[in-house]
Amino acid sequence: MNLFPILKDIPFVTAFLIGRVPGMQLPADRQEALMARIPFFKKTVKELLPAAKKFFCAHEVHGSEIAIIRGSDDYGGLVPNVDGLITQESNVVLGITVADCAPVWIIDQKSKAVALVHSGKGGTEAGIVPKAIQLLQKNCSSQLQDLIVTIGPCIRPPCYEIDFAKIIRDQASQAGVHDIHDEEICTACNLEKYYSYRREKGKTGHMLAVVMLQSSITTASS
């Protein structure tokens, strides 16, 4: 299993990306593959984050809907018809799956709120990252100067004709966020570590992007 820590300098947040899992066989159908991986994701997250109370994974539809997750919520793990999740609850794990689309982490350093969104071609066109920023402001009293936006591994030119990572950076900047980071990694160029839906012509798995607010310092191990 390839594990890539993200946002390592924020002590109250654990964030990482689970990359390619060598040898894992998955159904060709995307939805079947996602459902097949949910038990693995739950088990892996529990092993890496023993303090986690609940695990929520967005059931992506390449749109711009975002769910606000509260501690009392119970979706059975998979939150339907959303491409983003937001929470202020400690020890609640948010997850999204990606295989070329960009995972985007948005962290409020002051109010201790987190958003995790799936922003591919459709989600980027629909402005899911600016929407997440607005929802953090509305629901979590977030201030723009306190936000950090980080774009994870995704497909990029020349492997794909649209540079949606750049568009996401521009969208976050236009929304008023100044602290913007980009891992600048192309999934299609690094098949030994990442899945790429386009490069592998749909016969691929899905990576899991994760974020959790900690009630105490917890570090994921590789």
Protein backbone atom coordinates (compact mmCIF):
# COMPACT_ATOMS: atom_id res chain seq x y z
CA MET A 1 0.00 0.00 0.00
CA ASN A 2 1.30 3.46 -0.91
CA LEU A 3 0.52 6.03 1.78
CA PHE A 4 1.20 9.73 1.15
CA PRO A 5 0.86 12.14 4.11
CA ILE A 6 -0.57 15.57 3.30
CA LEU A 7 -0.58 18.78 5.38
CA LYS A 8 2.06 17.38 7.73
CA ASP A 9 2.68 20.74 9.46
CA ILE A 10 -0.81 21.15 10.93
CA PRO A 11 -0.79 19.39 14.33
CA PHE A 12 -4.55 18.99 14.79
CA VAL A 13 -5.14 17.41 11.36
CA THR A 14 -4.27 14.02 9.93
CA ALA A 15 -4.53 13.91 6.15
CA PHE A 16 -3.22 11.40 3.66
CA LEU A 17 -3.80 9.68 0.33
CA ILE A 18 -3.88 5.89 0.00
CA GLY A 19 -2.45 5.22 -3.44
CA ARG A 20 -2.18 2.09 -5.54
CA VAL A 21 -2.53 -1.19 -3.68
CA PRO A 22 -0.38 -3.74 -5.53
CA GLY A 23 -2.15 -6.97 -6.43
CA MET A 24 -5.67 -5.84 -5.55
CA GLN A 25 -8.13 -7.14 -8.13
CA LEU A 26 -11.28 -5.06 -8.70
CA PRO A 27 -14.43 -5.26 -10.87
CA ALA A 28 -14.31 -3.25 -14.10
CA ASP A 29 -17.50 -1.35 -13.25
CA ARG A 30 -16.71 1.84 -11.32
CA GLN A 31 -19.59 1.59 -8.85
CA GLU A 32 -18.95 -2.09 -8.19
CA ALA A 33 -15.27 -1.34 -7.67
CA LEU A 34 -16.08 1.45 -5.22
CA MET A 35 -18.44 -0.74 -3.21
CA ALA A 36 -15.85 -3.52 -3.19
CA ARG A 37 -13.23 -1.18 -1.76
CA ILE A 38 -15.33 0.40 1.01
CA PRO A 39 -14.69 -2.47 3.50
CA PHE A 40 -10.96 -2.26 2.71
CA PHE A 41 -10.98 1.51 3.17
CA LYS A 42 -12.80 1.22 6.51
CA LYS A 43 -10.40 -1.42 7.77
CA THR A 44 -7.32 0.50 6.62
CA VAL A 45 -8.51 3.80 8.11
CA LYS A 46 -9.21 2.10 11.44
CA GLU A 47 -5.71 0.59 11.45
CA LEU A 48 -4.07 3.91 10.60
CA LEU A 49 -6.33 6.06 12.78
CA PRO A 50 -7.33 4.00 15.83
CA ALA A 51 -8.92 7.08 17.45
CA ALA A 52 -11.43 7.41 14.58
CA LYS A 53 -15.05 7.11 15.67
CA LYS A 54 -16.75 7.15 12.26
CA PHE A 55 -15.79 6.97 8.59
CA PHE A 56 -17.71 8.79 5.84
CA CYS A 57 -16.92 8.47 2.14
CA ALA A 58 -18.51 10.64 -0.55
CA HIS A 59 -20.36 8.73 -3.26
CA GLU A 60 -19.09 10.91 -6.09
CA VAL A 61 -21.34 11.86 -9.01
CA HIS A 62 -18.98 14.47 -10.55
CA GLY A 63 -21.14 17.32 -9.34
CA SER A 64 -20.84 20.06 -6.72
CA GLU A 65 -23.01 18.88 -3.82
CA ILE A 66 -21.34 18.90 -0.41
CA ALA A 67 -22.57 17.35 2.84
CA ILE A 68 -21.99 18.82 6.30
CA ILE A 69 -21.09 15.87 8.53
CA ARG A 70 -22.04 15.88 12.21
CA GLY A 71 -21.19 13.35 14.87
CA SER A 72 -24.76 12.07 15.06
CA ASP A 73 -24.90 11.30 11.32
CA ASP A 74 -24.95 7.67 10.20
CA TYR A 75 -24.79 6.98 6.45
CA GLY A 76 -23.35 3.50 6.76
CA GLY A 77 -20.06 4.87 5.51
CA LEU A 78 -21.12 6.05 2.04
CA VAL A 79 -22.73 9.49 1.75
CA PRO A 80 -24.96 9.49 -1.36
CA ASN A 81 -24.93 11.98 -4.23
CA VAL A 82 -22.17 14.27 -2.96
CA ASP A 83 -18.64 15.08 -4.09
CA GLY A 84 -17.52 16.85 -0.94
CA LEU A 85 -17.67 16.59 2.84
CA ILE A 86 -17.20 19.15 5.63
CA THR A 87 -16.95 18.64 9.37
CA GLN A 88 -15.90 20.25 12.64
CA GLU A 89 -16.21 16.97 14.52
CA SER A 90 -13.07 15.49 16.05
CA ASN A 91 -12.08 11.89 15.25
CA VAL A 92 -14.53 11.70 12.34
CA VAL A 93 -12.83 10.59 9.13
CA LEU A 94 -13.83 12.10 5.79
CA GLY A 95 -12.89 10.29 2.59
CA ILE A 96 -13.21 10.69 -1.15
CA THR A 97 -12.08 8.34 -3.90
CA VAL A 98 -10.10 9.48 -6.93
CA ALA A 99 -8.41 7.95 -9.97
CA ASP A 100 -7.38 11.08 -11.93
CA CYS A 101 -9.71 13.71 -10.45
CA ALA A 102 -8.18 16.01 -7.86
CA PRO A 103 -8.60 15.49 -4.13
CA VAL A 104 -8.69 18.92 -2.49
CA TRP A 105 -8.19 19.46 1.22
CA ILE A 106 -9.40 22.75 2.74
CA ILE A 107 -8.36 23.37 6.34
CA ASP A 108 -9.48 26.17 8.65
CA GLN A 109 -6.55 26.64 11.01
CA LYS A 110 -8.48 28.80 13.49
CA SER A 111 -11.99 27.35 13.65
CA LYS A 112 -10.64 23.81 13.20
CA ALA A 113 -12.93 22.83 10.37
CA VAL A 114 -12.04 20.66 7.38
CA ALA A 115 -13.43 20.11 3.91
CA LEU A 116 -12.45 17.37 1.48
CA VAL A 117 -13.72 17.54 -2.09
CA HIS A 118 -13.50 15.55 -5.31
CA SER A 119 -12.86 18.03 -8.14
CA GLY A 120 -12.44 16.56 -11.60
CA LYS A 121 -13.56 18.04 -14.90
CA GLY A 122 -17.24 18.25 -13.94
CA GLY A 123 -16.76 19.30 -10.34
CA THR A 124 -14.23 21.95 -11.31
CA GLU A 125 -16.57 23.36 -13.96
CA ALA A 126 -19.33 23.42 -11.33
CA GLY A 127 -17.06 25.26 -8.88
CA ILE A 128 -17.08 22.74 -6.06
CA VAL A 129 -13.98 24.21 -4.38
CA PRO A 130 -15.38 27.79 -4.19
CA LYS A 131 -18.64 26.28 -2.95
CA ALA A 132 -16.80 24.42 -0.18
CA ILE A 133 -15.07 27.65 0.82
CA GLN A 134 -18.43 29.43 1.00
CA LEU A 135 -19.94 26.62 3.08
CA LEU A 136 -17.03 26.75 5.51
CA GLN A 137 -17.64 30.48 5.91
CA LYS A 138 -21.39 30.02 6.36
CA ASN A 139 -21.46 26.92 8.57
CA CYS A 140 -18.14 27.04 10.42
CA SER A 141 -17.50 30.80 10.74
CA SER A 142 -14.34 30.37 8.68
CA GLN A 143 -12.33 33.42 7.67
CA LEU A 144 -10.55 33.40 4.32
CA GLN A 145 -7.20 34.31 5.86
CA ASP A 146 -7.34 31.17 8.01
CA LEU A 147 -7.89 28.71 5.16
CA ILE A 148 -5.31 26.41 3.57
CA VAL A 149 -6.14 24.76 0.24
CA THR A 150 -4.09 21.77 -0.91
CA ILE A 151 -4.51 20.01 -4.27
CA GLY A 152 -3.40 16.40 -4.35
CA PRO A 153 -2.20 14.11 -7.16
CA CYS A 154 -4.39 14.25 -10.27
CA ILE A 155 -4.06 13.95 -14.03
CA ARG A 156 -2.39 16.92 -15.69
CA PRO A 157 -1.17 18.13 -19.10
CA PRO A 158 0.25 16.71 -21.30
CA CYS A 159 -1.54 13.53 -20.17
CA TYR A 160 -4.87 15.36 -20.17
CA GLU A 161 -6.06 18.30 -22.20
CA ILE A 162 -7.54 20.22 -19.26
CA ASP A 163 -5.38 21.54 -16.44
CA PHE A 164 -8.07 21.48 -13.80
CA ALA A 165 -5.46 21.70 -11.02
CA LYS A 166 -4.58 25.17 -12.33
CA ILE A 167 -8.26 26.05 -12.59
CA ILE A 168 -8.77 24.96 -8.97
CA ARG A 169 -5.84 27.11 -7.86
CA ASP A 170 -7.32 30.08 -9.73
CA GLN A 171 -10.78 29.42 -8.27
CA ALA A 172 -9.44 29.30 -4.71
CA SER A 173 -7.45 32.47 -5.27
CA GLN A 174 -10.45 34.28 -6.77
CA ALA A 175 -12.52 33.17 -3.77
CA GLY A 176 -10.08 35.04 -1.54
CA VAL A 177 -7.80 32.26 -0.26
CA HIS A 178 -4.09 33.09 -0.33
CA ASP A 179 -2.55 29.97 1.22
CA ILE A 180 -2.81 27.54 -1.71
CA HIS A 181 -0.61 24.48 -2.23
CA ASP A 182 -0.37 21.97 -5.06
CA GLU A 183 1.40 18.61 -4.84
CA GLU A 184 2.07 18.97 -8.60
CA ILE A 185 1.92 15.21 -9.17
CA CYS A 186 0.36 13.67 -12.28
CA THR A 187 -1.40 10.38 -11.62
CA ALA A 188 -1.09 9.24 -15.24
CA CYS A 189 2.70 9.67 -15.12
CA ASN A 190 3.14 7.62 -11.94
CA LEU A 191 1.22 4.36 -12.36
CA GLU A 192 3.48 2.53 -9.92
CA LYS A 193 2.08 4.72 -7.13
CA TYR A 194 -1.31 5.97 -8.35
CA TYR A 195 -4.35 4.82 -10.31
CA SER A 196 -5.23 6.64 -13.53
CA TYR A 197 -8.66 6.13 -15.07
CA ARG A 198 -7.62 7.70 -18.37
CA ARG A 199 -4.19 6.08 -18.72
CA GLU A 200 -5.56 2.66 -17.76
CA LYS A 201 -8.64 3.09 -19.98
CA GLY A 202 -11.09 2.62 -17.12
CA LYS A 203 -9.61 -0.68 -15.94
CA THR A 204 -8.31 0.71 -12.69
CA GLY A 205 -8.88 1.06 -8.98
CA HIS A 206 -9.51 4.08 -6.81
CA MET A 207 -7.32 5.90 -4.33
CA LEU A 208 -8.69 7.20 -1.05
CA ALA A 209 -8.05 10.75 0.18
CA VAL A 210 -8.61 11.14 3.93
CA VAL A 211 -8.78 13.89 6.52
CA MET A 212 -9.53 13.81 10.23
CA LEU A 213 -9.59 16.47 12.93
CA GLN A 214 -7.85 15.12 16.00
CA SER A 215 -8.92 15.44 19.60
CA SER A 216 -5.34 14.46 20.42
CA ILE A 217 -2.19 14.13 18.30
CA THR A 218 -2.37 11.02 16.13
CA THR A 219 0.02 10.23 13.29
CA ALA A 220 -0.69 7.85 10.41
CA SER A 221 2.10 5.35 9.87
CA SER A 222 3.35 4.29 6.45
